Amino acid sequence: KWRIVFPDNGRQWKDWKQASTFYSGNRIQTTKYTWSTFLPQNLFEQFHRLGNLYFFFLVVLNWFPQVEVFHREITMLPVIVVLLASMIKDAIEDYRKYRFDKTINFSKTRVYDR
């Protein structure tokens, strides 16, 4: 399977050194996470959703004995289930992107130039 690349022939070649250092890897990467950034970045994105913030607020509020309505553990259960389901979904999607990027990056390439 071949990948065909059509470069921009009108490009000024005087900036070649700067462009070649900026795009030195020349690979495609569409993944959002790495192993070290998955948990913090995913939690940051999850708590930007209003529903997750609302349930987190209820969990924090339930830790005060004056306001406690349910048991503390029961209030944490919906938040944990939703966050885990979203994390698993995001991890699977990102892994599929990683595998697709890997197949694209290791495919044979034919470059047409003038």
Protein backbone atom coordinates (compact mmCIF):
# COMPACT_ATOMS: atom_id res chain seq x y z
CA LYS A 1 0.00 0.00 0.00
CA TRP A 2 1.49 3.32 -1.10
CA ARG A 3 0.96 6.76 0.30
CA ILE A 4 1.21 9.58 -2.25
CA VAL A 5 2.42 13.00 -1.12
CA PHE A 6 2.08 16.13 -3.26
CA PRO A 7 4.38 18.84 -1.88
CA ASP A 8 3.70 22.52 -2.29
CA ASN A 9 5.92 23.38 -5.27
CA GLY A 10 5.47 27.14 -4.87
CA ARG A 11 7.25 27.11 -1.52
CA GLN A 12 10.30 29.29 -1.01
CA TRP A 13 13.33 27.04 -0.49
CA LYS A 14 15.31 29.73 1.32
CA ASP A 15 13.50 28.77 4.55
CA TRP A 16 14.39 25.09 4.09
CA LYS A 17 16.71 24.88 7.10
CA GLN A 18 14.14 26.39 9.47
CA ALA A 19 11.33 24.21 8.11
CA SER A 20 13.43 21.05 8.23
CA THR A 21 14.29 21.58 11.90
CA PHE A 22 10.66 22.37 12.77
CA TYR A 23 9.35 19.28 10.96
CA SER A 24 12.35 17.06 11.63
CA GLY A 25 10.38 13.91 12.47
CA ASN A 26 8.10 14.16 9.45
CA ARG A 27 5.55 11.83 10.99
CA ILE A 28 1.83 11.96 11.56
CA GLN A 29 0.62 12.09 15.16
CA THR A 30 -3.08 12.51 15.90
CA THR A 31 -3.07 11.06 19.41
CA LYS A 32 -4.02 13.34 22.25
CA TYR A 33 -2.38 11.61 25.21
CA THR A 34 0.87 9.95 26.25
CA TRP A 35 1.36 7.45 29.06
CA SER A 36 2.37 10.16 31.50
CA THR A 37 -0.25 12.75 30.56
CA PHE A 38 -3.32 10.54 30.20
CA LEU A 39 -4.69 10.72 33.75
CA PRO A 40 -4.18 14.45 34.49
CA GLN A 41 -5.18 15.66 31.04
CA ASN A 42 -8.23 13.41 30.88
CA LEU A 43 -9.42 14.44 34.35
CA PHE A 44 -8.92 18.08 33.37
CA GLU A 45 -11.09 17.58 30.29
CA GLN A 46 -13.72 15.59 32.20
CA PHE A 47 -14.20 18.30 34.82
CA HIS A 48 -14.78 20.91 32.14
CA ARG A 49 -18.19 19.28 31.64
CA LEU A 50 -20.88 20.86 33.75
CA GLY A 51 -22.52 17.57 34.75
CA ASN A 52 -19.29 16.15 36.14
CA LEU A 53 -18.63 19.34 38.09
CA TYR A 54 -22.14 19.20 39.54
CA PHE A 55 -21.72 15.63 40.79
CA PHE A 56 -18.25 16.44 42.13
CA PHE A 57 -19.76 19.39 44.01
CA LEU A 58 -22.35 17.02 45.54
CA VAL A 59 -19.57 14.65 46.63
CA VAL A 60 -17.64 17.47 48.31
CA LEU A 61 -20.81 18.82 49.92
CA ASN A 62 -21.71 15.40 51.26
CA TRP A 63 -18.42 15.18 53.21
CA PHE A 64 -19.69 17.83 55.61
CA PRO A 65 -21.76 16.19 58.41
CA GLN A 66 -24.22 19.10 58.61
CA VAL A 67 -25.28 18.73 54.98
CA GLU A 68 -24.84 14.96 54.53
CA VAL A 69 -27.88 13.38 52.88
CA PHE A 70 -26.52 10.02 51.69
CA HIS A 71 -23.54 8.00 52.73
CA ARG A 72 -20.31 9.46 51.42
CA GLU A 73 -19.41 6.38 49.39
CA ILE A 74 -22.80 6.22 47.68
CA THR A 75 -22.50 9.81 46.52
CA MET A 76 -19.06 9.11 45.02
CA LEU A 77 -20.25 6.08 43.05
CA PRO A 78 -21.95 7.90 40.09
CA VAL A 79 -18.98 10.23 39.59
CA ILE A 80 -16.49 7.37 39.62
CA VAL A 81 -18.55 5.25 37.22
CA VAL A 82 -19.00 8.10 34.72
CA LEU A 83 -15.35 9.15 34.90
CA LEU A 84 -14.09 5.58 34.48
CA ALA A 85 -16.39 4.92 31.53
CA SER A 86 -15.26 8.14 29.84
CA MET A 87 -11.59 7.38 30.54
CA ILE A 88 -11.88 3.89 29.08
CA LYS A 89 -13.63 5.25 25.98
CA ASP A 90 -10.98 7.96 25.51
CA ALA A 91 -8.15 5.47 26.01
CA ILE A 92 -9.58 3.09 23.41
CA GLU A 93 -10.08 5.91 20.89
CA ASP A 94 -6.57 7.23 21.46
CA TYR A 95 -5.06 3.76 21.10
CA ARG A 96 -6.89 3.27 17.79
CA LYS A 97 -5.52 6.61 16.59
CA TYR A 98 -2.03 5.52 17.67
CA ARG A 99 -2.29 2.25 15.72
CA PHE A 100 -3.57 4.07 12.61
CA ASP A 101 -0.78 6.66 12.86
CA LYS A 102 1.75 3.86 13.14
CA THR A 103 0.49 2.17 9.97
CA ILE A 104 0.53 5.48 8.08
CA ASN A 105 4.01 6.42 9.30
CA PHE A 106 5.53 3.08 8.29
CA SER A 107 3.86 2.86 4.89
CA LYS A 108 5.79 3.34 1.67
CA THR A 109 5.64 6.87 0.33
CA ARG A 110 5.93 8.17 -3.20
CA VAL A 111 6.62 11.91 -3.41
CA TYR A 112 5.84 13.77 -6.63
CA ASP A 113 8.00 16.79 -7.25
CA ARG A 114 8.14 18.56 -10.60
